[in-house]
C-alpha atoms as a PDB file:
ATOM      1  CA  MET A   1      79.321  41.221  96.905  1.00  0.00           C
ATOM      2  CA  PRO A   2      79.121  38.062  94.741  1.00  0.00           C
ATOM      3  CA  LYS A   3      77.029  37.771  91.613  1.00  0.00           C
ATOM      4  CA  LEU A   4      73.488  36.417  92.039  1.00  0.00           C
ATOM      5  CA  LYS A   5      72.797  32.985  90.625  1.00  0.00           C
ATOM      6  CA  THR A   6      69.838  32.573  88.294  1.00  0.00           C
ATOM      7  CA  LYS A   7      67.061  30.411  89.731  1.00  0.00           C
ATOM      8  CA  SER A   8      67.014  27.391  87.430  1.00  0.00           C
ATOM      9  CA  GLY A   9      63.241  26.929  87.820  1.00  0.00           C
ATOM     10  CA  ALA A  10      62.606  30.499  86.650  1.00  0.00           C
ATOM     11  CA  LYS A  11      65.093  30.082  83.815  1.00  0.00           C
ATOM     12  CA  LYS A  12      62.992  27.228  82.418  1.00  0.00           C
ATOM     13  CA  ARG A  13      59.601  28.933  82.859  1.00  0.00           C
ATOM     14  CA  PHE A  14      60.058  32.531  81.690  1.00  0.00           C
ATOM     15  CA  LYS A  15      61.314  34.204  78.508  1.00  0.00           C
ATOM     16  CA  LEU A  16      62.088  37.891  78.057  1.00  0.00           C
ATOM     17  CA  THR A  17      60.643  39.592  74.956  1.00  0.00           C
ATOM     18  CA  GLY A  18      62.301  42.348  72.983  1.00  0.00           C
ATOM     19  CA  THR A  19      59.967  44.975  74.463  1.00  0.00           C
ATOM     20  CA  GLY A  20      60.829  43.961  78.043  1.00  0.00           C
ATOM     21  CA  LYS A  21      57.731  41.904  78.801  1.00  0.00           C
ATOM     22  CA  ILE A  22      58.053  38.451  80.361  1.00  0.00           C
ATOM     23  CA  LYS A  23      56.274  35.548  78.652  1.00  0.00           C
ATOM     24  CA  ARG A  24      54.910  32.634  80.672  1.00  0.00           C
ATOM     25  CA  LYS A  25      52.790  29.537  80.121  1.00  0.00           C
ATOM     26  CA  GLY A  26      49.384  29.073  81.703  1.00  0.00           C
ATOM     27  CA  ALA A  27      48.892  26.681  84.601  1.00  0.00           C
ATOM     28  CA  TYR A  28      46.615  23.604  84.790  1.00  0.00           C
ATOM     29  CA  LYS A  29      47.791  21.982  81.534  1.00  0.00           C
ATOM     30  CA  SER A  30      50.092  19.257  82.878  1.00  0.00           C
ATOM     31  CA  HIS A  31      47.854  16.419  84.130  1.00  0.00           C
ATOM     32  CA  ILE A  32      44.253  15.341  84.831  1.00  0.00           C
ATOM     33  CA  LEU A  33      43.279  16.470  81.326  1.00  0.00           C
ATOM     34  CA  THR A  34      40.471  13.929  80.846  1.00  0.00           C
ATOM     35  CA  LYS A  35      37.934  15.887  82.874  1.00  0.00           C
ATOM     36  CA  LYS A  36      38.730  19.224  81.202  1.00  0.00           C
ATOM     37  CA  GLU A  37      36.823  20.402  78.147  1.00  0.00           C
ATOM     38  CA  THR A  38      38.611  20.599  74.800  1.00  0.00           C
ATOM     39  CA  LYS A  39      38.009  24.356  74.669  1.00  0.00           C
ATOM     40  CA  GLN A  40      39.593  24.849  78.096  1.00  0.00           C
ATOM     41  CA  LYS A  41      42.676  22.812  77.133  1.00  0.00           C
ATOM     42  CA  ARG A  42      43.008  24.731  73.863  1.00  0.00           C
ATOM     43  CA  ASN A  43      42.838  28.075  75.680  1.00  0.00           C
ATOM     44  CA  LEU A  44      45.421  26.957  78.242  1.00  0.00           C
ATOM     45  CA  THR A  45      47.904  26.309  75.418  1.00  0.00           C
ATOM     46  CA  GLN A  46      48.262  30.036  74.747  1.00  0.00           C
ATOM     47  CA  THR A  47      51.129  31.912  76.364  1.00  0.00           C
ATOM     48  CA  SER A  48      50.488  35.039  78.385  1.00  0.00           C
ATOM     49  CA  TYR A  49      52.541  37.725  80.087  1.00  0.00           C
ATOM     50  CA  VAL A  50      53.607  38.166  83.696  1.00  0.00           C
ATOM     51  CA  ALA A  51      51.649  40.901  85.494  1.00  0.00           C
ATOM     52  CA  GLU A  52      53.406  44.199  86.215  1.00  0.00           C
ATOM     53  CA  VAL A  53      53.264  43.635  89.992  1.00  0.00           C
ATOM     54  CA  ASP A  54      55.133  40.321  89.655  1.00  0.00           C
ATOM     55  CA  LYS A  55      57.630  41.529  87.061  1.00  0.00           C
ATOM     56  CA  HIS A  56      60.249  42.733  89.576  1.00  0.00           C
ATOM     57  CA  SER A  57      60.172  39.412  91.422  1.00  0.00           C
ATOM     58  CA  VAL A  58      60.665  37.386  88.226  1.00  0.00           C
ATOM     59  CA  LEU A  59      63.494  39.631  87.045  1.00  0.00           C
ATOM     60  CA  ARG A  60      65.239  39.113  90.383  1.00  0.00           C
ATOM     61  CA  GLN A  61      64.911  35.337  90.034  1.00  0.00           C
ATOM     62  CA  LEU A  62      66.418  35.604  86.560  1.00  0.00           C
ATOM     63  CA  ALA A  63      69.265  37.674  88.130  1.00  0.00           C
ATOM     64  CA  LEU A  64      68.642  40.583  85.777  1.00  0.00           C
ATOM     65  CA  LYS A  65      67.925  43.285  88.374  1.00  0.00           C
END
């Protein structure tokens, strides 16, 4: 069976931490920022982690499992 290719979209969006968690950026921070409050935009800047239920799917897209 051939090796799986990494999904290039997932490669750009996710990073693996040393403890095995997957870091991701929050959504809704790319456009139409004029109608959003400063506090909301500031909070969207923070990175978060992928939920445990989605972890397997992301790892498959990254061709790690």
